Amino acid sequence: MSTVLRPFLDTIEINHGPKIEIGRFFLQLSESARQLGISWHMGRDFDRLVQVNRKNLDTWEPLSPIYDPAISDINPDNVIYVEGQADGEPVVTLILRRYDWPTSTLREEWESGRFAYRNPSVQMSPDEKWTAAAPVAAEIGGRVVFAGGLWCHPSFRRKRLPQLTIAMMRSISLAMWKPDFTIGMVERGALTRVLLPLYGNPVIQPGMQIVSPWRTFNCNLIWETPDDLTSYVRNHLTVPDEPERGHGTDEGVRRARSPR
């Protein structure tokens, strides 16, 4: 798996505003993970996510069609895969997928099936339905980064690792793509109360649903703007010799059915 490093070693400018040191924040997250015995590995090989998922189905739901290159437009140009390893074994995963919707919205892409399928009219099942009733789904467009494939090994779910991984998502999204929005889907129910603190309690709206032969999925939509992302980095970036701020201590993630 190749490693994507260079974009994180530079200070970047967001929307012509004050500069934020993405590189230093990235190194800060790497050091926090190292103290847990974790090394980060990043690349464009989304097949790796499928391999790790198949080996851990006892604690992780099967992946959705979004990550299947046979039927989806997922490719190395629009994906960054993140994996945390302990002693050479994967213990946490995350995949970021970039969508470009200059004249469309999340609602249109979701309900048409294009969010997952290259050719929905052929590839979707006849009784499959995607519903985007969250009001903000009609406003999310442009360059959108979808964070999904979040899984953490049970032995690491109370060791800050999920929260560090979400922080990594924010730094990668800013450094690589400067999106108009980042989004995620959190399954409704008790899992929402568990996962939202890991994401920093972002704005949330219910109403996203998938009904299909492979799974029925009722979820909440969470999203952040570039200002939200840059504020997070600034608020959690430490100065030399300053104790680490934020990212929590222990996380109570009891199930691995993460945002898809």
Protein backbone atom coordinates (compact mmCIF):
# COMPACT_ATOMS: atom_id res chain seq x y z
CA MET A 1 0.00 0.00 0.00
CA SER A 2 1.52 3.32 -1.05
CA THR A 3 1.82 6.15 1.45
CA VAL A 4 0.50 9.66 0.75
CA LEU A 5 2.70 12.10 2.66
CA ARG A 6 3.72 15.19 0.75
CA PRO A 7 0.45 17.18 0.98
CA PHE A 8 0.58 16.99 4.76
CA LEU A 9 4.07 18.45 5.00
CA ASP A 10 3.04 21.83 3.61
CA THR A 11 1.11 24.68 5.14
CA ILE A 12 -1.95 25.21 2.94
CA GLU A 13 -4.34 28.11 2.54
CA ILE A 14 -8.11 27.58 2.62
CA ASN A 15 -10.36 30.03 0.74
CA HIS A 16 -7.69 32.74 0.87
CA GLY A 17 -8.09 32.90 4.66
CA PRO A 18 -5.53 32.45 7.46
CA LYS A 19 -3.15 29.60 6.90
CA ILE A 20 -3.37 26.48 9.00
CA GLU A 21 -0.54 24.04 9.48
CA ILE A 22 -2.01 20.82 8.18
CA GLY A 23 1.40 19.17 8.11
CA ARG A 24 2.03 19.81 11.80
CA PHE A 25 -1.45 18.60 12.71
CA PHE A 26 -0.90 15.42 10.70
CA LEU A 27 2.37 14.74 12.51
CA GLN A 28 0.64 15.41 15.83
CA LEU A 29 -1.96 12.76 15.02
CA SER A 30 0.77 10.36 13.95
CA GLU A 31 2.56 10.80 17.27
CA SER A 32 -0.69 10.30 19.22
CA ALA A 33 -1.30 7.07 17.32
CA ARG A 34 2.30 5.94 17.83
CA GLN A 35 1.80 6.20 21.59
CA LEU A 36 -1.00 3.65 21.17
CA GLY A 37 1.25 1.37 19.16
CA ILE A 38 -0.37 2.37 15.85
CA SER A 39 1.26 3.37 12.56
CA TRP A 40 -0.76 5.04 9.81
CA HIS A 41 -0.70 3.77 6.22
CA MET A 42 -2.38 5.60 3.36
CA GLY A 43 -2.83 5.07 -0.32
CA ARG A 44 -5.19 4.75 -3.28
CA ASP A 45 -5.62 0.98 -3.07
CA PHE A 46 -9.29 0.70 -2.13
CA ASP A 47 -9.15 -3.06 -2.74
CA ARG A 48 -7.34 -3.24 0.58
CA LEU A 49 -10.52 -2.06 2.35
CA VAL A 50 -12.43 -4.98 0.82
CA GLN A 51 -9.76 -7.44 1.98
CA VAL A 52 -9.80 -6.18 5.56
CA ASN A 53 -13.60 -6.14 5.62
CA ARG A 54 -13.86 -9.77 4.49
CA LYS A 55 -11.43 -10.87 7.21
CA ASN A 56 -13.38 -9.10 9.96
CA LEU A 57 -17.03 -9.80 9.19
CA ASP A 58 -17.51 -11.05 12.74
CA THR A 59 -17.24 -7.44 13.96
CA TRP A 60 -18.07 -5.52 10.77
CA GLU A 61 -20.99 -5.39 8.35
CA PRO A 62 -20.29 -6.22 4.65
CA LEU A 63 -19.41 -3.17 2.59
CA SER A 64 -21.97 -1.44 0.41
CA PRO A 65 -21.78 -1.29 -3.44
CA ILE A 66 -20.19 2.16 -3.13
CA TYR A 67 -16.82 0.41 -2.74
CA ASP A 68 -17.23 -2.13 -5.55
CA PRO A 69 -15.33 -0.97 -8.67
CA ALA A 70 -17.27 -3.47 -10.79
CA ILE A 71 -20.45 -1.39 -10.41
CA SER A 72 -19.29 1.92 -8.94
CA ASP A 73 -17.21 4.82 -10.27
CA ILE A 74 -14.77 4.44 -7.39
CA ASN A 75 -11.18 4.64 -8.68
CA PRO A 76 -7.70 5.65 -7.51
CA ASP A 77 -8.30 9.27 -8.57
CA ASN A 78 -11.20 9.79 -6.18
CA VAL A 79 -10.20 7.66 -3.19
CA ILE A 80 -7.83 7.83 -0.24
CA TYR A 81 -7.68 4.77 1.98
CA VAL A 82 -6.40 5.06 5.55
CA GLU A 83 -5.38 2.11 7.68
CA GLY A 84 -3.95 2.01 11.16
CA GLN A 85 -1.79 -1.02 11.93
CA ALA A 86 -0.61 -2.55 15.20
CA ASP A 87 2.24 -5.06 14.88
CA GLY A 88 1.63 -5.15 11.13
CA GLU A 89 -2.06 -6.03 11.42
CA PRO A 90 -4.96 -3.68 10.50
CA VAL A 91 -6.87 -2.41 13.53
CA VAL A 92 -8.69 0.61 12.09
CA THR A 93 -9.80 1.62 8.58
CA LEU A 94 -11.32 4.63 6.88
CA ILE A 95 -11.87 5.46 3.22
CA LEU A 96 -12.52 8.89 1.76
CA ARG A 97 -14.28 9.13 -1.57
CA ARG A 98 -14.48 12.38 -3.51
CA TYR A 99 -17.55 13.25 -5.55
CA ASP A 100 -17.75 16.17 -7.98
CA TRP A 101 -21.26 17.53 -8.42
CA PRO A 102 -20.96 20.98 -10.04
CA THR A 103 -24.60 20.97 -11.19
CA SER A 104 -26.10 18.30 -8.95
CA THR A 105 -26.78 17.69 -5.25
CA LEU A 106 -26.50 14.90 -2.76
CA ARG A 107 -30.25 14.36 -2.92
CA GLU A 108 -30.22 13.93 -6.70
CA GLU A 109 -27.20 11.64 -6.68
CA TRP A 110 -28.49 9.57 -3.75
CA GLU A 111 -32.06 9.08 -4.97
CA SER A 112 -30.97 8.34 -8.55
CA GLY A 113 -28.60 5.64 -7.28
CA ARG A 114 -25.58 7.36 -8.83
CA PHE A 115 -24.07 7.77 -5.37
CA ALA A 116 -23.21 4.07 -5.54
CA TYR A 117 -23.80 2.80 -9.07
CA ARG A 118 -22.14 3.66 -12.35
CA ASN A 119 -25.30 2.74 -14.28
CA PRO A 120 -28.23 2.61 -11.82
CA SER A 121 -30.85 1.69 -14.39
CA VAL A 122 -28.98 -1.53 -15.09
CA GLN A 123 -27.16 -2.26 -11.83
CA MET A 124 -29.80 -1.46 -9.20
CA SER A 125 -32.26 -4.16 -8.20
CA PRO A 126 -35.85 -3.52 -9.33
CA ASP A 127 -37.05 -3.19 -5.72
CA GLU A 128 -34.09 -1.13 -4.53
CA LYS A 129 -34.79 2.41 -3.32
CA TRP A 130 -32.59 5.21 -2.02
CA THR A 131 -34.34 8.07 -0.18
CA ALA A 132 -32.75 11.39 0.82
CA ALA A 133 -35.33 13.16 2.98
CA ALA A 134 -32.78 15.15 5.02
CA PRO A 135 -33.43 18.78 3.99
CA VAL A 136 -29.76 19.71 3.70
CA ALA A 137 -29.23 16.93 1.12
CA ALA A 138 -30.76 19.29 -1.44
CA GLU A 139 -28.09 21.92 -0.63
CA ILE A 140 -24.95 19.78 -0.57
CA GLY A 141 -23.13 19.91 -3.89
CA GLY A 142 -19.86 20.88 -5.56
CA ARG A 143 -16.85 18.93 -4.36
CA VAL A 144 -18.02 16.53 -1.67
CA VAL A 145 -15.91 14.09 0.35
CA PHE A 146 -17.75 11.09 1.76
CA ALA A 147 -16.10 9.45 4.78
CA GLY A 148 -17.02 5.80 5.20
CA GLY A 149 -15.60 2.36 5.81
CA LEU A 150 -14.83 3.22 9.42
CA TRP A 151 -13.99 0.10 11.41
CA CYS A 152 -11.96 -0.39 14.55
CA HIS A 153 -10.82 -3.67 16.06
CA PRO A 154 -12.66 -4.37 19.34
CA SER A 155 -9.42 -4.30 21.34
CA PHE A 156 -8.77 -0.69 20.28
CA ARG A 157 -12.23 0.85 20.53
CA ARG A 158 -11.58 2.34 23.95
CA LYS A 159 -8.14 3.73 23.19
CA ARG A 160 -8.85 7.01 21.37
CA LEU A 161 -8.17 5.39 18.02
CA PRO A 162 -11.59 5.98 16.38
CA GLN A 163 -11.46 9.67 17.31
CA LEU A 164 -7.91 10.05 16.05
CA THR A 165 -9.00 8.46 12.78
CA ILE A 166 -11.82 10.97 12.34
CA ALA A 167 -9.34 13.78 13.03
CA MET A 168 -7.14 12.27 10.34
CA MET A 169 -10.11 12.39 7.97
CA ARG A 170 -10.41 16.14 8.47
CA SER A 171 -6.73 16.83 7.79
CA ILE A 172 -6.63 14.59 4.71
CA SER A 173 -9.80 16.10 3.25
CA LEU A 174 -8.45 19.63 3.58
CA ALA A 175 -4.96 18.87 2.34
CA MET A 176 -5.93 16.73 -0.63
CA TRP A 177 -9.21 18.08 -1.93
CA LYS A 178 -10.38 21.30 -0.18
CA PRO A 179 -14.01 20.12 -0.38
CA ASP A 180 -17.14 22.23 -0.26
CA PHE A 181 -18.58 19.63 2.12
CA THR A 182 -17.52 16.49 3.94
CA ILE A 183 -20.33 14.08 4.74
CA GLY A 184 -20.94 10.84 6.58
CA MET A 185 -23.84 8.49 7.28
CA VAL A 186 -24.46 7.25 10.82
CA GLU A 187 -26.93 4.46 11.37
CA ARG A 188 -29.97 5.54 13.37
CA GLY A 189 -30.63 4.24 16.86
CA ALA A 190 -28.32 3.62 19.78
CA LEU A 191 -25.27 3.65 17.52
CA THR A 192 -25.86 7.33 16.73
CA ARG A 193 -25.39 8.29 20.38
CA VAL A 194 -22.17 6.27 20.47
CA LEU A 195 -20.62 7.54 17.23
CA LEU A 196 -21.52 11.24 17.22
CA PRO A 197 -19.06 12.18 19.99
CA LEU A 198 -16.30 10.55 17.94
CA TYR A 199 -17.13 12.92 15.10
CA GLY A 200 -17.11 15.92 17.44
CA ASN A 201 -20.91 16.14 17.54
CA PRO A 202 -21.40 17.67 14.07
CA VAL A 203 -24.74 18.91 12.74
CA ILE A 204 -27.04 15.98 12.03
CA GLN A 205 -30.27 15.39 10.12
CA PRO A 206 -32.25 12.14 9.80
CA GLY A 207 -33.95 10.96 6.64
CA MET A 208 -31.36 9.02 4.62
CA GLN A 209 -32.47 5.51 3.75
CA ILE A 210 -31.49 2.57 1.58
CA VAL A 211 -33.86 -0.33 0.98
CA SER A 212 -32.16 -3.05 -1.04
CA PRO A 213 -31.60 -6.81 -1.24
CA TRP A 214 -28.12 -6.38 0.26
CA ARG A 215 -29.28 -4.30 3.22
CA THR A 216 -31.89 -1.92 4.62
CA PHE A 217 -30.12 1.07 6.10
CA ASN A 218 -31.76 3.98 7.94
CA CYS A 219 -29.22 6.64 8.74
CA ASN A 220 -28.55 10.19 9.80
CA LEU A 221 -26.63 12.59 7.60
CA ILE A 222 -23.74 14.49 9.15
CA TRP A 223 -21.78 17.18 7.33
CA GLU A 224 -19.09 19.81 7.73
CA THR A 225 -18.05 22.84 5.70
CA PRO A 226 -14.47 24.00 5.05
CA ASP A 227 -14.83 26.47 7.94
CA ASP A 228 -15.84 23.62 10.24
CA LEU A 229 -12.82 21.57 9.17
CA THR A 230 -10.31 24.40 9.55
CA SER A 231 -11.75 25.41 12.92
CA TYR A 232 -11.35 21.85 14.13
CA VAL A 233 -7.70 21.75 13.09
CA ARG A 234 -6.92 25.11 14.66
CA ASN A 235 -8.69 24.23 17.89
CA HIS A 236 -6.85 20.92 18.28
CA LEU A 237 -3.41 21.88 17.02
CA THR A 238 -0.96 21.97 19.91
CA VAL A 239 2.10 24.14 20.20
CA PRO A 240 5.49 22.60 21.02
CA ASP A 241 5.68 21.18 24.55
CA GLU A 242 1.95 21.66 25.05
CA PRO A 243 -0.13 18.64 26.13
CA GLU A 244 -2.41 17.26 23.45
CA ARG A 245 -5.90 18.76 23.43
CA GLY A 246 -9.11 17.06 22.50
CA HIS A 247 -9.50 13.70 20.77
CA GLY A 248 -10.97 12.31 23.99
CA THR A 249 -9.65 9.56 26.19
CA ASP A 250 -11.74 6.42 25.87
CA GLU A 251 -14.39 5.71 23.26
CA GLY A 252 -17.31 3.41 23.87
CA VAL A 253 -17.80 2.02 20.38
CA ARG A 254 -19.37 -1.34 20.98
CA ARG A 255 -20.30 -2.21 17.42
CA ALA A 256 -18.47 -1.72 14.13
CA ARG A 257 -21.45 -0.86 11.94
CA SER A 258 -19.94 2.47 11.05
CA PRO A 259 -20.92 5.16 8.54
CA ARG A 260 -21.13 3.57 5.13
